[in-house]
Amino acid sequence: LPFWRADERDRGGHFSAKIGAFLERAEARLGDLKSQVTLSEELVADYA
């Protein structure tokens, strides 16, 4: 499939590290419903 790069920029390490760290924490909290509820509350309170 052709692509058109335009002004696309490669994402750097700063934000990529945040993604990797968040998913590591989220993985540990998706196992049961109670942990999912607290994660949801955290997303509302801290992540707007």
ModelCIF file with pLDDT and N, C-alpha, C, O atoms, coordinates in Angstrom:
data_MODEL
#
_entry.id   MODEL 
#
_entity.id                         1 
_entity.type                       polymer 
_entity.pdbx_number_of_molecules   1 
#
_entity_poly.entity_id                      1 
_entity_poly.type                           'polypeptide(L)' 
_entity_poly.nstd_linkage                   no 
_entity_poly.nstd_monomer                   no 
_entity_poly.pdbx_seq_one_letter_code       LPFWRADERDRGGHFSAKIGAFLERAEARLGDLKSQVTLSEELVADYA 
_entity_poly.pdbx_seq_one_letter_code_can   LPFWRADERDRGGHFSAKIGAFLERAEARLGDLKSQVTLSEELVADYA 
_entity_poly.pdbx_strand_id                 A 
#
loop_
_entity_poly_seq.entity_id 
_entity_poly_seq.num 
_entity_poly_seq.mon_id 
_entity_poly_seq.hetero 
1 1  LEU n 
1 2  PRO n 
1 3  PHE n 
1 4  TRP n 
1 5  ARG n 
1 6  ALA n 
1 7  ASP n 
1 8  GLU n 
1 9  ARG n 
1 10 ASP n 
1 11 ARG n 
1 12 GLY n 
1 13 GLY n 
1 14 HIS n 
1 15 PHE n 
1 16 SER n 
1 17 ALA n 
1 18 LYS n 
1 19 ILE n 
1 20 GLY n 
1 21 ALA n 
1 22 PHE n 
1 23 LEU n 
1 24 GLU n 
1 25 ARG n 
1 26 ALA n 
1 27 GLU n 
1 28 ALA n 
1 29 ARG n 
1 30 LEU n 
1 31 GLY n 
1 32 ASP n 
1 33 LEU n 
1 34 LYS n 
1 35 SER n 
1 36 GLN n 
1 37 VAL n 
1 38 THR n 
1 39 LEU n 
1 40 SER n 
1 41 GLU n 
1 42 GLU n 
1 43 LEU n 
1 44 VAL n 
1 45 ALA n 
1 46 ASP n 
1 47 TYR n 
1 48 ALA n 
#
_struct_asym.id          A 
_struct_asym.entity_id   1 
#
loop_
_ma_qa_metric.id 
_ma_qa_metric.mode 
_ma_qa_metric.name 
_ma_qa_metric.software_group_id 
_ma_qa_metric.type 
1 global pLDDT . pLDDT 
2 local  pLDDT . pLDDT 
#
_ma_qa_metric_global.metric_id      1 
_ma_qa_metric_global.metric_value   88.92 
_ma_qa_metric_global.model_id       1 
_ma_qa_metric_global.ordinal_id     1 
#
loop_
_ma_qa_metric_local.label_asym_id 
_ma_qa_metric_local.label_comp_id 
_ma_qa_metric_local.label_seq_id 
_ma_qa_metric_local.metric_id 
_ma_qa_metric_local.metric_value 
_ma_qa_metric_local.model_id 
_ma_qa_metric_local.ordinal_id 
A LEU 1  2 76.00 1 1  
A PRO 2  2 79.00 1 2  
A PHE 3  2 70.00 1 3  
A TRP 4  2 70.00 1 4  
A ARG 5  2 64.00 1 5  
A ALA 6  2 56.00 1 6  
A ASP 7  2 50.00 1 7  
A GLU 8  2 58.00 1 8  
A ARG 9  2 72.00 1 9  
A ASP 10 2 86.00 1 10 
A ARG 11 2 91.00 1 11 
A GLY 12 2 91.00 1 12 
A GLY 13 2 93.00 1 13 
A HIS 14 2 95.00 1 14 
A PHE 15 2 95.00 1 15 
A SER 16 2 96.00 1 16 
A ALA 17 2 96.00 1 17 
A LYS 18 2 96.00 1 18 
A ILE 19 2 96.00 1 19 
A GLY 20 2 96.00 1 20 
A ALA 21 2 96.00 1 21 
A PHE 22 2 97.00 1 22 
A LEU 23 2 97.00 1 23 
A GLU 24 2 96.00 1 24 
A ARG 25 2 95.00 1 25 
A ALA 26 2 96.00 1 26 
A GLU 27 2 95.00 1 27 
A ALA 28 2 93.00 1 28 
A ARG 29 2 93.00 1 29 
A LEU 30 2 93.00 1 30 
A GLY 31 2 88.00 1 31 
A ASP 32 2 90.00 1 32 
A LEU 33 2 92.00 1 33 
A LYS 34 2 92.00 1 34 
A SER 35 2 93.00 1 35 
A GLN 36 2 94.00 1 36 
A VAL 37 2 94.00 1 37 
A THR 38 2 94.00 1 38 
A LEU 39 2 95.00 1 39 
A SER 40 2 95.00 1 40 
A GLU 41 2 96.00 1 41 
A GLU 42 2 95.00 1 42 
A LEU 43 2 96.00 1 43 
A VAL 44 2 96.00 1 44 
A ALA 45 2 96.00 1 45 
A ASP 46 2 95.00 1 46 
A TYR 47 2 96.00 1 47 
A ALA 48 2 94.00 1 48 
#
loop_
_atom_site.group_PDB 
_atom_site.id 
_atom_site.type_symbol 
_atom_site.label_atom_id 
_atom_site.label_alt_id 
_atom_site.label_comp_id 
_atom_site.label_asym_id 
_atom_site.label_entity_id 
_atom_site.label_seq_id 
_atom_site.pdbx_PDB_ins_code 
_atom_site.Cartn_x 
_atom_site.Cartn_y 
_atom_site.Cartn_z 
_atom_site.occupancy 
_atom_site.B_iso_or_equiv 
_atom_site.pdbx_formal_charge 
_atom_site.auth_seq_id 
_atom_site.auth_comp_id 
_atom_site.auth_asym_id 
_atom_site.auth_atom_id 
_atom_site.pdbx_PDB_model_num 
ATOM 1   N N  . LEU A 1 1  ? 0.862   -1.179  0.000  1.00 76.00 ? 1  LEU A N  1 
ATOM 2   C CA . LEU A 1 1  ? 0.000   0.000   0.000  1.00 76.00 ? 1  LEU A CA 1 
ATOM 3   C C  . LEU A 1 1  ? 0.900   1.231   0.000  1.00 76.00 ? 1  LEU A C  1 
ATOM 4   O O  . LEU A 1 1  ? 1.766   1.347   0.868  1.00 76.00 ? 1  LEU A O  1 
ATOM 5   N N  . PRO A 1 2  ? 0.725   2.152   -0.943 1.00 79.00 ? 2  PRO A N  1 
ATOM 6   C CA . PRO A 1 2  ? 1.561   3.358   -0.956 1.00 79.00 ? 2  PRO A CA 1 
ATOM 7   C C  . PRO A 1 2  ? 1.353   4.188   0.318  1.00 79.00 ? 2  PRO A C  1 
ATOM 8   O O  . PRO A 1 2  ? 0.296   4.136   0.945  1.00 79.00 ? 2  PRO A O  1 
ATOM 9   N N  . PHE A 1 3  ? 2.378   4.945   0.678  1.00 70.00 ? 3  PHE A N  1 
ATOM 10  C CA . PHE A 1 3  ? 2.256   5.889   1.790  1.00 70.00 ? 3  PHE A CA 1 
ATOM 11  C C  . PHE A 1 3  ? 2.747   7.251   1.324  1.00 70.00 ? 3  PHE A C  1 
ATOM 12  O O  . PHE A 1 3  ? 3.580   7.363   0.425  1.00 70.00 ? 3  PHE A O  1 
ATOM 13  N N  . TRP A 1 4  ? 2.214   8.269   1.955  1.00 70.00 ? 4  TRP A N  1 
ATOM 14  C CA . TRP A 1 4  ? 2.635   9.652   1.689  1.00 70.00 ? 4  TRP A CA 1 
ATOM 15  C C  . TRP A 1 4  ? 3.046   10.246  3.027  1.00 70.00 ? 4  TRP A C  1 
ATOM 16  O O  . TRP A 1 4  ? 2.206   10.464  3.900  1.00 70.00 ? 4  TRP A O  1 
ATOM 17  N N  . ARG A 1 5  ? 4.337   10.509  3.188  1.00 64.00 ? 5  ARG A N  1 
ATOM 18  C CA . ARG A 1 5  ? 4.863   10.896  4.496  1.00 64.00 ? 5  ARG A CA 1 
ATOM 19  C C  . ARG A 1 5  ? 4.432   12.299  4.915  1.00 64.00 ? 5  ARG A C  1 
ATOM 20  O O  . ARG A 1 5  ? 4.198   12.554  6.097  1.00 64.00 ? 5  ARG A O  1 
ATOM 21  N N  . ALA A 1 6  ? 4.327   13.200  3.952  1.00 56.00 ? 6  ALA A N  1 
ATOM 22  C CA . ALA A 1 6  ? 4.032   14.608  4.256  1.00 56.00 ? 6  ALA A CA 1 
ATOM 23  C C  . ALA A 1 6  ? 5.036   15.101  5.292  1.00 56.00 ? 6  ALA A C  1 
ATOM 24  O O  . ALA A 1 6  ? 6.242   14.941  5.101  1.00 56.00 ? 6  ALA A O  1 
ATOM 25  N N  . ASP A 1 7  ? 4.553   15.706  6.401  1.00 50.00 ? 7  ASP A N  1 
ATOM 26  C CA . ASP A 1 7  ? 5.486   16.229  7.399  1.00 50.00 ? 7  ASP A CA 1 
ATOM 27  C C  . ASP A 1 7  ? 5.559   15.304  8.612  1.00 50.00 ? 7  ASP A C  1 
ATOM 28  O O  . ASP A 1 7  ? 5.844   15.748  9.724  1.00 50.00 ? 7  ASP A O  1 
ATOM 29  N N  . GLU A 1 8  ? 5.301   14.028  8.390  1.00 58.00 ? 8  GLU A N  1 
ATOM 30  C CA . GLU A 1 8  ? 5.316   13.067  9.491  1.00 58.00 ? 8  GLU A CA 1 
ATOM 31  C C  . GLU A 1 8  ? 6.699   13.034  10.158 1.00 58.00 ? 8  GLU A C  1 
ATOM 32  O O  . GLU A 1 8  ? 7.729   13.057  9.485  1.00 58.00 ? 8  GLU A O  1 
ATOM 33  N N  . ARG A 1 9  ? 6.693   12.980  11.463 1.00 72.00 ? 9  ARG A N  1 
ATOM 34  C CA . ARG A 1 9  ? 7.948   12.908  12.200 1.00 72.00 ? 9  ARG A CA 1 
ATOM 35  C C  . ARG A 1 9  ? 7.982   11.635  13.029 1.00 72.00 ? 9  ARG A C  1 
ATOM 36  O O  . ARG A 1 9  ? 6.949   11.181  13.522 1.00 72.00 ? 9  ARG A O  1 
ATOM 37  N N  . ASP A 1 10 ? 9.162   11.064  13.184 1.00 86.00 ? 10 ASP A N  1 
ATOM 38  C CA . ASP A 1 10 ? 9.299   9.891   14.035 1.00 86.00 ? 10 ASP A CA 1 
ATOM 39  C C  . ASP A 1 10 ? 9.171   10.306  15.498 1.00 86.00 ? 10 ASP A C  1 
ATOM 40  O O  . ASP A 1 10 ? 9.772   11.290  15.927 1.00 86.00 ? 10 ASP A O  1 
ATOM 41  N N  . ARG A 1 11 ? 8.382   9.546   16.258 1.00 91.00 ? 11 ARG A N  1 
ATOM 42  C CA . ARG A 1 11 ? 8.206   9.855   17.672 1.00 91.00 ? 11 ARG A CA 1 
ATOM 43  C C  . ARG A 1 11 ? 9.505   9.554   18.429 1.00 91.00 ? 11 ARG A C  1 
ATOM 44  O O  . ARG A 1 11 ? 10.168  8.549   18.174 1.00 91.00 ? 11 ARG A O  1 
ATOM 45  N N  . GLY A 1 12 ? 9.846   10.428  19.347 1.00 91.00 ? 12 GLY A N  1 
ATOM 46  C CA . GLY A 1 12 ? 11.076  10.273  20.112 1.00 91.00 ? 12 GLY A CA 1 
ATOM 47  C C  . GLY A 1 12 ? 10.902  9.418   21.355 1.00 91.00 ? 12 GLY A C  1 
ATOM 48  O O  . GLY A 1 12 ? 9.832   8.863   21.605 1.00 91.00 ? 12 GLY A O  1 
ATOM 49  N N  . GLY A 1 13 ? 11.975  9.323   22.129 1.00 93.00 ? 13 GLY A N  1 
ATOM 50  C CA . GLY A 1 13 ? 11.975  8.444   23.285 1.00 93.00 ? 13 GLY A CA 1 
ATOM 51  C C  . GLY A 1 13 ? 11.178  8.957   24.468 1.00 93.00 ? 13 GLY A C  1 
ATOM 52  O O  . GLY A 1 13 ? 10.705  8.164   25.282 1.00 93.00 ? 13 GLY A O  1 
ATOM 53  N N  . HIS A 1 14 ? 11.019  10.276  24.579 1.00 95.00 ? 14 HIS A N  1 
ATOM 54  C CA . HIS A 1 14 ? 10.370  10.854  25.758 1.00 95.00 ? 14 HIS A CA 1 
ATOM 55  C C  . HIS A 1 14 ? 8.935   10.358  25.905 1.00 95.00 ? 14 HIS A C  1 
ATOM 56  O O  . HIS A 1 14 ? 8.569   9.810   26.945 1.00 95.00 ? 14 HIS A O  1 
ATOM 57  N N  . PHE A 1 15 ? 8.124   10.546  24.872 1.00 95.00 ? 15 PHE A N  1 
ATOM 58  C CA . PHE A 1 15 ? 6.729   10.137  24.939 1.00 95.00 ? 15 PHE A CA 1 
ATOM 59  C C  . PHE A 1 15 ? 6.587   8.623   24.791 1.00 95.00 ? 15 PHE A C  1 
ATOM 60  O O  . PHE A 1 15 ? 5.682   8.024   25.373 1.00 95.00 ? 15 PHE A O  1 
ATOM 61  N N  . SER A 1 16 ? 7.471   8.007   24.021 1.00 96.00 ? 16 SER A N  1 
ATOM 62  C CA . SER A 1 16 ? 7.432   6.552   23.859 1.00 96.00 ? 16 SER A CA 1 
ATOM 63  C C  . SER A 1 16 ? 7.637   5.856   25.202 1.00 96.00 ? 16 SER A C  1 
ATOM 64  O O  . SER A 1 16 ? 7.006   4.836   25.482 1.00 96.00 ? 16 SER A O  1 
ATOM 65  N N  . ALA A 1 17 ? 8.526   6.411   26.033 1.00 96.00 ? 17 ALA A N  1 
ATOM 66  C CA . ALA A 1 17 ? 8.765   5.822   27.350 1.00 96.00 ? 17 ALA A CA 1 
ATOM 67  C C  . ALA A 1 17 ? 7.520   5.897   28.223 1.00 96.00 ? 17 ALA A C  1 
ATOM 68  O O  . ALA A 1 17 ? 7.256   4.989   29.011 1.00 96.00 ? 17 ALA A O  1 
ATOM 69  N N  . LYS A 1 18 ? 6.755   6.972   28.086 1.00 96.00 ? 18 LYS A N  1 
ATOM 70  C CA . LYS A 1 18 ? 5.521   7.109   28.869 1.00 96.00 ? 18 LYS A CA 1 
ATOM 71  C C  . LYS A 1 18 ? 4.500   6.051   28.455 1.00 96.00 ? 18 LYS A C  1 
ATOM 72  O O  . LYS A 1 18 ? 3.795   5.498   29.299 1.00 96.00 ? 18 LYS A O  1 
ATOM 73  N N  . ILE A 1 19 ? 4.425   5.772   27.158 1.00 96.00 ? 19 ILE A N  1 
ATOM 74  C CA . ILE A 1 19 ? 3.497   4.753   26.670 1.00 96.00 ? 19 ILE A CA 1 
ATOM 75  C C  . ILE A 1 19 ? 3.874   3.383   27.226 1.00 96.00 ? 19 ILE A C  1 
ATOM 76  O O  . ILE A 1 19 ? 3.025   2.652   27.736 1.00 96.00 ? 19 ILE A O  1 
ATOM 77  N N  . GLY A 1 20 ? 5.161   3.045   27.121 1.00 96.00 ? 20 GLY A N  1 
ATOM 78  C CA . GLY A 1 20 ? 5.611   1.749   27.614 1.00 96.00 ? 20 GLY A CA 1 
ATOM 79  C C  . GLY A 1 20 ? 5.404   1.574   29.108 1.00 96.00 ? 20 GLY A C  1 
ATOM 80  O O  . GLY A 1 20 ? 5.017   0.497   29.564 1.00 96.00 ? 20 GLY A O  1 
ATOM 81  N N  . ALA A 1 21 ? 5.662   2.637   29.877 1.00 96.00 ? 21 ALA A N  1 
ATOM 82  C CA . ALA A 1 21 ? 5.499   2.558   31.336 1.00 96.00 ? 21 ALA A CA 1 
ATOM 83  C C  . ALA A 1 21 ? 4.026   2.443   31.715 1.00 96.00 ? 21 ALA A C  1 
ATOM 84  O O  . ALA A 1 21 ? 3.677   1.677   32.613 1.00 96.00 ? 21 ALA A O  1 
ATOM 85  N N  . PHE A 1 22 ? 3.156   3.201   31.037 1.00 97.00 ? 22 PHE A N  1 
ATOM 86  C CA . PHE A 1 22 ? 1.725   3.140   31.354 1.00 97.00 ? 22 PHE A CA 1 
ATOM 87  C C  . PHE A 1 22 ? 1.152   1.761   31.060 1.00 97.00 ? 22 PHE A C  1 
ATOM 88  O O  . PHE A 1 22 ? 0.389   1.223   31.863 1.00 97.00 ? 22 PHE A O  1 
ATOM 89  N N  . LEU A 1 23 ? 1.514   1.184   29.916 1.00 97.00 ? 23 LEU A N  1 
ATOM 90  C CA . LEU A 1 23 ? 0.982   -0.128  29.565 1.00 97.00 ? 23 LEU A CA 1 
ATOM 91  C C  . LEU A 1 23 ? 1.477   -1.210  30.525 1.00 97.00 ? 23 LEU A C  1 
ATOM 92  O O  . LEU A 1 23 ? 0.765   -2.180  30.781 1.00 97.00 ? 23 LEU A O  1 
ATOM 93  N N  . GLU A 1 24 ? 2.670   -1.052  31.046 1.00 96.00 ? 24 GLU A N  1 
ATOM 94  C CA . GLU A 1 24 ? 3.168   -2.003  32.041 1.00 96.00 ? 24 GLU A CA 1 
ATOM 95  C C  . GLU A 1 24 ? 2.328   -1.928  33.317 1.00 96.00 ? 24 GLU A C  1 
ATOM 96  O O  . GLU A 1 24 ? 1.982   -2.957  33.897 1.00 96.00 ? 24 GLU A O  1 
ATOM 97  N N  . ARG A 1 25 ? 2.001   -0.713  33.749 1.00 95.00 ? 25 ARG A N  1 
ATOM 98  C CA . ARG A 1 25 ? 1.148   -0.561  34.943 1.00 95.00 ? 25 ARG A CA 1 
ATOM 99  C C  . ARG A 1 25 ? -0.270  -1.045  34.661 1.00 95.00 ? 25 ARG A C  1 
ATOM 100 O O  . ARG A 1 25 ? -0.887  -1.698  35.503 1.00 95.00 ? 25 ARG A O  1 
ATOM 101 N N  . ALA A 1 26 ? -0.785  -0.726  33.480 1.00 96.00 ? 26 ALA A N  1 
ATOM 102 C CA . ALA A 1 26 ? -2.152  -1.130  33.142 1.00 96.00 ? 26 ALA A CA 1 
ATOM 103 C C  . ALA A 1 26 ? -2.274  -2.649  33.072 1.00 96.00 ? 26 ALA A C  1 
ATOM 104 O O  . ALA A 1 26 ? -3.280  -3.209  33.506 1.00 96.00 ? 26 ALA A O  1 
ATOM 105 N N  . GLU A 1 27 ? -1.265  -3.314  32.534 1.00 95.00 ? 27 GLU A N  1 
ATOM 106 C CA . GLU A 1 27 ? -1.301  -4.781  32.430 1.00 95.00 ? 27 GLU A CA 1 
ATOM 107 C C  . GLU A 1 27 ? -1.484  -5.428  33.795 1.00 95.00 ? 27 GLU A C  1 
ATOM 108 O O  . GLU A 1 27 ? -2.179  -6.435  33.924 1.00 95.00 ? 27 GLU A O  1 
ATOM 109 N N  . ALA A 1 28 ? -0.859  -4.846  34.811 1.00 93.00 ? 28 ALA A N  1 
ATOM 110 C CA . ALA A 1 28 ? -0.961  -5.403  36.156 1.00 93.00 ? 28 ALA A CA 1 
ATOM 111 C C  . ALA A 1 28 ? -2.319  -5.149  36.801 1.00 93.00 ? 28 ALA A C  1 
ATOM 112 O O  . ALA A 1 28 ? -2.633  -5.729  37.840 1.00 93.00 ? 28 ALA A O  1 
ATOM 113 N N  . ARG A 1 29 ? -3.140  -4.267  36.178 1.00 93.00 ? 29 ARG A N  1 
ATOM 114 C CA . ARG A 1 29 ? -4.405  -3.877  36.818 1.00 93.00 ? 29 ARG A CA 1 
ATOM 115 C C  . ARG A 1 29 ? -5.635  -4.273  36.012 1.00 93.00 ? 29 ARG A C  1 
ATOM 116 O O  . ARG A 1 29 ? -6.751  -3.884  36.355 1.00 93.00 ? 29 ARG A O  1 
ATOM 117 N N  . LEU A 1 30 ? -5.445  -5.033  34.958 1.00 93.00 ? 30 LEU A N  1 
ATOM 118 C CA . LEU A 1 30 ? -6.589  -5.419  34.138 1.00 93.00 ? 30 LEU A CA 1 
ATOM 119 C C  . LEU A 1 30 ? -7.122  -6.810  34.476 1.00 93.00 ? 30 LEU A C  1 
ATOM 120 O O  . LEU A 1 30 ? -8.074  -7.286  33.858 1.00 93.00 ? 30 LEU A O  1 
ATOM 121 N N  . GLY A 1 31 ? -6.501  -7.453  35.459 1.00 88.00 ? 31 GLY A N  1 
ATOM 122 C CA . GLY A 1 31 ? -6.848  -8.837  35.746 1.00 88.00 ? 31 GLY A CA 1 
ATOM 123 C C  . GLY A 1 31 ? -8.189  -9.044  36.414 1.00 88.00 ? 31 GLY A C  1 
ATOM 124 O O  . GLY A 1 31 ? -8.797  -10.100 36.240 1.00 88.00 ? 31 GLY A O  1 
ATOM 125 N N  . ASP A 1 32 ? -8.680  -8.060  37.186 1.00 90.00 ? 32 ASP A N  1 
ATOM 126 C CA . ASP A 1 32 ? -9.961  -8.237  37.869 1.00 90.00 ? 32 ASP A CA 1 
ATOM 127 C C  . ASP A 1 32 ? -10.766 -6.947  37.791 1.00 90.00 ? 32 ASP A C  1 
ATOM 128 O O  . ASP A 1 32 ? -10.230 -5.872  37.521 1.00 90.00 ? 32 ASP A O  1 
ATOM 129 N N  . LEU A 1 33 ? -12.062 -7.081  38.033 1.00 92.00 ? 33 LEU A N  1 
ATOM 130 C CA . LEU A 1 33 ? -12.987 -5.957  37.849 1.00 92.00 ? 33 LEU A CA 1 
ATOM 131 C C  . LEU A 1 33 ? -12.693 -4.811  38.813 1.00 92.00 ? 33 LEU A C  1 
ATOM 132 O O  . LEU A 1 33 ? -12.791 -3.644  38.434 1.00 92.00 ? 33 LEU A O  1 
ATOM 133 N N  . LYS A 1 34 ? -12.333 -5.133  40.057 1.00 92.00 ? 34 LYS A N  1 
ATOM 134 C CA . LYS A 1 34 ? -12.067 -4.092  41.051 1.00 92.00 ? 34 LYS A CA 1 
ATOM 135 C C  . LYS A 1 34 ? -10.888 -3.211  40.631 1.00 92.00 ? 34 LYS A C  1 
ATOM 136 O O  . LYS A 1 34 ? -10.935 -1.987  40.747 1.00 92.00 ? 34 LYS A O  1 
ATOM 137 N N  . SER A 1 35 ? -9.831  -3.862  40.143 1.00 93.00 ? 35 SER A N  1 
ATOM 138 C CA . SER A 1 35 ? -8.658  -3.105  39.694 1.00 93.00 ? 35 SER A CA 1 
ATOM 139 C C  . SER A 1 35 ? -8.982  -2.252  38.470 1.00 93.00 ? 35 SER A C  1 
ATOM 140 O O  . SER A 1 35 ? -8.450  -1.153  38.310 1.00 93.00 ? 35 SER A O  1 
ATOM 141 N N  . GLN A 1 36 ? -9.862  -2.770  37.606 1.00 94.00 ? 36 GLN A N  1 
ATOM 142 C CA . GLN A 1 36 ? -10.276 -2.007  36.435 1.00 94.00 ? 36 GLN A CA 1 
ATOM 143 C C  . GLN A 1 36 ? -11.036 -0.741  36.835 1.00 94.00 ? 36 GLN A C  1 
ATOM 144 O O  . GLN A 1 36 ? -10.885 0.309   36.210 1.00 94.00 ? 36 GLN A O  1 
ATOM 145 N N  . VAL A 1 37 ? -11.859 -0.855  37.891 1.00 94.00 ? 37 VAL A N  1 
ATOM 146 C CA . VAL A 1 37 ? -12.618 0.300   38.368 1.00 94.00 ? 37 VAL A CA 1 
ATOM 147 C C  . VAL A 1 37 ? -11.675 1.372   38.909 1.00 94.00 ? 37 VAL A C  1 
ATOM 148 O O  . VAL A 1 37 ? -11.850 2.557   38.626 1.00 94.00 ? 37 VAL A O  1 
ATOM 149 N N  . THR A 1 38 ? -10.672 0.955   39.689 1.00 94.00 ? 38 THR A N  1 
ATOM 150 C CA . THR A 1 38 ? -9.722  1.938   40.227 1.00 94.00 ? 38 THR A CA 1 
ATOM 151 C C  . THR A 1 38 ? -8.891  2.570   39.110 1.00 94.00 ? 38 THR A C  1 
ATOM 152 O O  . THR A 1 38 ? -8.548  3.750   39.180 1.00 94.00 ? 38 THR A O  1 
ATOM 153 N N  . LEU A 1 39 ? -8.568  1.783   38.078 1.00 95.00 ? 39 LEU A N  1 
ATOM 154 C CA . LEU A 1 39 ? -7.841  2.340   36.940 1.00 95.00 ? 39 LEU A CA 1 
ATOM 155 C C  . LEU A 1 39 ? -8.696  3.376   36.221 1.00 95.00 ? 39 LEU A C  1 
ATOM 156 O O  . LEU A 1 39 ? -8.196  4.422   35.807 1.00 95.00 ? 39 LEU A O  1 
ATOM 157 N N  . SER A 1 40 ? -9.988  3.082   36.074 1.00 95.00 ? 40 SER A N  1 
ATOM 158 C CA . SER A 1 40 ? -10.898 4.025   35.432 1.00 95.00 ? 40 SER A CA 1 
ATOM 159 C C  . SER A 1 40 ? -10.980 5.324   36.221 1.00 95.00 ? 40 SER A C  1 
ATOM 160 O O  . SER A 1 40 ? -10.964 6.408   35.639 1.00 95.00 ? 40 SER A O  1 
ATOM 161 N N  . GLU A 1 41 ? -11.069 5.221   37.539 1.00 96.00 ? 41 GLU A N  1 
ATOM 162 C CA . GLU A 1 41 ? -11.122 6.411   38.391 1.00 96.00 ? 41 GLU A CA 1 
ATOM 163 C C  . GLU A 1 41 ? -9.834  7.229   38.270 1.00 96.00 ? 41 GLU A C  1 
ATOM 164 O O  . GLU A 1 41 ? -9.866  8.459   38.274 1.00 96.00 ? 41 GLU A O  1 
ATOM 165 N N  . GLU A 1 42 ? -8.714  6.535   38.163 1.00 95.00 ? 42 GLU A N  1 
ATOM 166 C CA . GLU A 1 42 ? -7.425  7.222   38.021 1.00 95.00 ? 42 GLU A CA 1 
ATOM 167 C C  . GLU A 1 42 ? -7.355  7.968   36.684 1.00 95.00 ? 42 GLU A C  1 
ATOM 168 O O  . GLU A 1 42 ? -6.829  9.079   36.612 1.00 95.00 ? 42 GLU A O  1 
ATOM 169 N N  . LEU A 1 43 ? -7.890  7.345   35.628 1.00 96.00 ? 43 LEU A N  1 
ATOM 170 C CA . LEU A 1 43 ? -7.882  7.986   34.314 1.00 96.00 ? 43 LEU A CA 1 
ATOM 171 C C  . LEU A 1 43 ? -8.702  9.276   34.318 1.00 96.00 ? 43 LEU A C  1 
ATOM 172 O O  . LEU A 1 43 ? -8.341  10.253  33.662 1.00 96.00 ? 43 LEU A O  1 
ATOM 173 N N  . VAL A 1 44 ? -9.801  9.268   35.057 1.00 96.00 ? 44 VAL A N  1 
ATOM 174 C CA . VAL A 1 44 ? -10.641 10.465  35.148 1.00 96.00 ? 44 VAL A CA 1 
ATOM 175 C C  . VAL A 1 44 ? -9.955  11.540  35.996 1.00 96.00 ? 44 VAL A C  1 
ATOM 176 O O  . VAL A 1 44 ? -9.953  12.715  35.629 1.00 96.00 ? 44 VAL A O  1 
ATOM 177 N N  . ALA A 1 45 ? -9.379  11.138  37.117 1.00 96.00 ? 45 ALA A N  1 
ATOM 178 C CA . ALA A 1 45 ? -8.815  12.102  38.070 1.00 96.00 ? 45 ALA A CA 1 
ATOM 179 C C  . ALA A 1 45 ? -7.478  12.679  37.597 1.00 96.00 ? 45 ALA A C  1 
ATOM 180 O O  . ALA A 1 45 ? -7.244  13.882  37.716 1.00 96.00 ? 45 ALA A O  1 
ATOM 181 N N  . ASP A 1 46 ? -6.599  11.821  37.059 1.00 95.00 ? 46 ASP A N  1 
ATOM 182 C CA . ASP A 1 46 ? -5.230  12.240  36.762 1.00 95.00 ? 46 ASP A CA 1 
ATOM 183 C C  . ASP A 1 46 ? -4.952  12.486  35.286 1.00 95.00 ? 46 ASP A C  1 
ATOM 184 O O  . ASP A 1 46 ? -4.012  13.202  34.941 1.00 95.00 ? 46 ASP A O  1 
ATOM 185 N N  . TYR A 1 47 ? -5.761  11.900  34.417 1.00 96.00 ? 47 TYR A N  1 
ATOM 186 C CA . TYR A 1 47 ? -5.484  11.991  32.983 1.00 96.00 ? 47 TYR A CA 1 
ATOM 187 C C  . TYR A 1 47 ? -6.520  12.844  32.244 1.00 96.00 ? 47 TYR A C  1 
ATOM 188 O O  . TYR A 1 47 ? -6.470  12.948  31.018 1.00 96.00 ? 47 TYR A O  1 
ATOM 189 N N  . ALA A 1 48 ? -7.446  13.447  32.968 1.00 94.00 ? 48 ALA A N  1 
ATOM 190 C CA . ALA A 1 48 ? -8.442  14.374  32.411 1.00 94.00 ? 48 ALA A CA 1 
ATOM 191 C C  . ALA A 1 48 ? -9.329  13.732  31.353 1.00 94.00 ? 48 ALA A C  1 
ATOM 192 O O  . ALA A 1 48 ? -10.208 14.394  30.801 1.00 94.00 ? 48 ALA A O  1 
#
